[in-house]
Structures are given as structure tokens and as C-alpha cells.
Amino acid sequence: MPWTAFFMFFNRTCTRLVVFFLVIL
């Protein structure tokens, strides 16, 4: 598993979590 793909997936998940928290607040 390439590091770039893992980093992109992790970054996308973090961004989704941040947006989720912003929507809740």
C-alpha cells in the first residue's frame, strides 16, 4: 500500500471529521 494513497485517505477522513464537527457546532 503506497504511502501517498494512505495519506490521502487519512487526510480525507480528517477533513470529513472536521466538517462534521463544524456542522454540529
PDB file of N, CA and C in Angstrom:
ATOM      1  N   MET A   1       0.856  -1.199   0.000  1.00  0.00           N
ATOM      2  CA  MET A   1       0.000   0.000   0.000  1.00  0.00           C
ATOM      3  C   MET A   1       0.886   1.240   0.000  1.00  0.00           C
ATOM      4  N   PRO A   2       0.788   2.044  -1.026  1.00  0.00           N
ATOM      5  CA  PRO A   2       1.628   3.250  -1.129  1.00  0.00           C
ATOM      6  C   PRO A   2       1.333   4.224   0.007  1.00  0.00           C
ATOM      7  N   TRP A   3       2.369   4.936   0.395  1.00  0.00           N
ATOM      8  CA  TRP A   3       2.213   5.921   1.462  1.00  0.00           C
ATOM      9  C   TRP A   3       1.308   7.065   1.031  1.00  0.00           C
ATOM     10  N   THR A   4       1.414   7.443  -0.261  1.00  0.00           N
ATOM     11  CA  THR A   4       0.622   8.587  -0.742  1.00  0.00           C
ATOM     12  C   THR A   4      -0.867   8.279  -0.662  1.00  0.00           C
ATOM     13  N   ALA A   5      -1.247   7.061  -1.057  1.00  0.00           N
ATOM     14  CA  ALA A   5      -2.668   6.693  -1.024  1.00  0.00           C
ATOM     15  C   ALA A   5      -3.174   6.693   0.420  1.00  0.00           C
ATOM     16  N   PHE A   6      -2.368   6.152   1.327  1.00  0.00           N
ATOM     17  CA  PHE A   6      -2.767   6.116   2.736  1.00  0.00           C
ATOM     18  C   PHE A   6      -2.910   7.528   3.291  1.00  0.00           C
ATOM     19  N   PHE A   7      -1.959   8.409   2.942  1.00  0.00           N
ATOM     20  CA  PHE A   7      -2.004   9.786   3.431  1.00  0.00           C
ATOM     21  C   PHE A   7      -3.231  10.506   2.887  1.00  0.00           C
ATOM     22  N   MET A   8      -3.544  10.285   1.611  1.00  0.00           N
ATOM     23  CA  MET A   8      -4.717  10.931   1.014  1.00  0.00           C
ATOM     24  C   MET A   8      -5.991  10.458   1.709  1.00  0.00           C
ATOM     25  N   PHE A   9      -6.073   9.142   1.973  1.00  0.00           N
ATOM     26  CA  PHE A   9      -7.258   8.599   2.646  1.00  0.00           C
ATOM     27  C   PHE A   9      -7.370   9.166   4.064  1.00  0.00           C
ATOM     28  N   PHE A  10      -6.239   9.234   4.783  1.00  0.00           N
ATOM     29  CA  PHE A  10      -6.242   9.761   6.145  1.00  0.00           C
ATOM     30  C   PHE A  10      -6.635  11.233   6.150  1.00  0.00           C
ATOM     31  N   ASN A  11      -6.083  12.001   5.190  1.00  0.00           N
ATOM     32  CA  ASN A  11      -6.391  13.429   5.113  1.00  0.00           C
ATOM     33  C   ASN A  11      -7.867  13.634   4.806  1.00  0.00           C
ATOM     34  N   ARG A  12      -8.400  12.812   3.900  1.00  0.00           N
ATOM     35  CA  ARG A  12      -9.823  12.940   3.546  1.00  0.00           C
ATOM     36  C   ARG A  12     -10.699  12.639   4.752  1.00  0.00           C
ATOM     37  N   THR A  13     -10.319  11.625   5.535  1.00  0.00           N
ATOM     38  CA  THR A  13     -11.108  11.270   6.714  1.00  0.00           C
ATOM     39  C   THR A  13     -11.054  12.390   7.745  1.00  0.00           C
ATOM     40  N   CYS A  14      -9.879  12.955   7.958  1.00  0.00           N
ATOM     41  CA  CYS A  14      -9.735  14.048   8.926  1.00  0.00           C
ATOM     42  C   CYS A  14     -10.569  15.245   8.488  1.00  0.00           C
ATOM     43  N   THR A  15     -10.522  15.559   7.195  1.00  0.00           N
ATOM     44  CA  THR A  15     -11.296  16.695   6.690  1.00  0.00           C
ATOM     45  C   THR A  15     -12.782  16.460   6.923  1.00  0.00           C
ATOM     46  N   ARG A  16     -13.240  15.227   6.682  1.00  0.00           N
ATOM     47  CA  ARG A  16     -14.661  14.913   6.881  1.00  0.00           C
ATOM     48  C   ARG A  16     -15.040  15.058   8.347  1.00  0.00           C
ATOM     49  N   LEU A  17     -14.148  14.638   9.250  1.00  0.00           N
ATOM     50  CA  LEU A  17     -14.435  14.761  10.679  1.00  0.00           C
ATOM     51  C   LEU A  17     -14.499  16.228  11.084  1.00  0.00           C
ATOM     52  N   VAL A  18     -13.588  17.042  10.564  1.00  0.00           N
ATOM     53  CA  VAL A  18     -13.582  18.472  10.890  1.00  0.00           C
ATOM     54  C   VAL A  18     -14.870  19.127  10.404  1.00  0.00           C
ATOM     55  N   VAL A  19     -15.280  18.806   9.181  1.00  0.00           N
ATOM     56  CA  VAL A  19     -16.522  19.375   8.645  1.00  0.00           C
ATOM     57  C   VAL A  19     -17.709  18.921   9.492  1.00  0.00           C
ATOM     58  N   PHE A  20     -17.685  17.660   9.915  1.00  0.00           N
ATOM     59  CA  PHE A  20     -18.771  17.130  10.744  1.00  0.00           C
ATOM     60  C   PHE A  20     -18.879  17.911  12.056  1.00  0.00           C
ATOM     61  N   PHE A  21     -17.738  18.151  12.703  1.00  0.00           N
ATOM     62  CA  PHE A  21     -17.747  18.904  13.957  1.00  0.00           C
ATOM     63  C   PHE A  21     -18.200  20.338  13.735  1.00  0.00           C
ATOM     64  N   LEU A  22     -17.770  20.947  12.631  1.00  0.00           N
ATOM     65  CA  LEU A  22     -18.181  22.328  12.345  1.00  0.00           C
ATOM     66  C   LEU A  22     -19.686  22.399  12.138  1.00  0.00           C
ATOM     67  N   VAL A  23     -20.243  21.399  11.470  1.00  0.00           N
ATOM     68  CA  VAL A  23     -21.696  21.387  11.240  1.00  0.00           C
ATOM     69  C   VAL A  23     -22.440  21.233  12.563  1.00  0.00           C
ATOM     70  N   ILE A  24     -21.904  20.401  13.461  1.00  0.00           N
ATOM     71  CA  ILE A  24     -22.552  20.197  14.762  1.00  0.00           C
ATOM     72  C   ILE A  24     -22.502  21.492  15.576  1.00  0.00           C
ATOM     73  N   LEU A  25     -21.353  22.128  15.612  1.00  0.00           N
ATOM     74  CA  LEU A  25     -21.230  23.366  16.376  1.00  0.00           C
ATOM     75  C   LEU A  25     -21.938  24.503  15.662  1.00  0.00           C
TER      76      LEU A  25
END
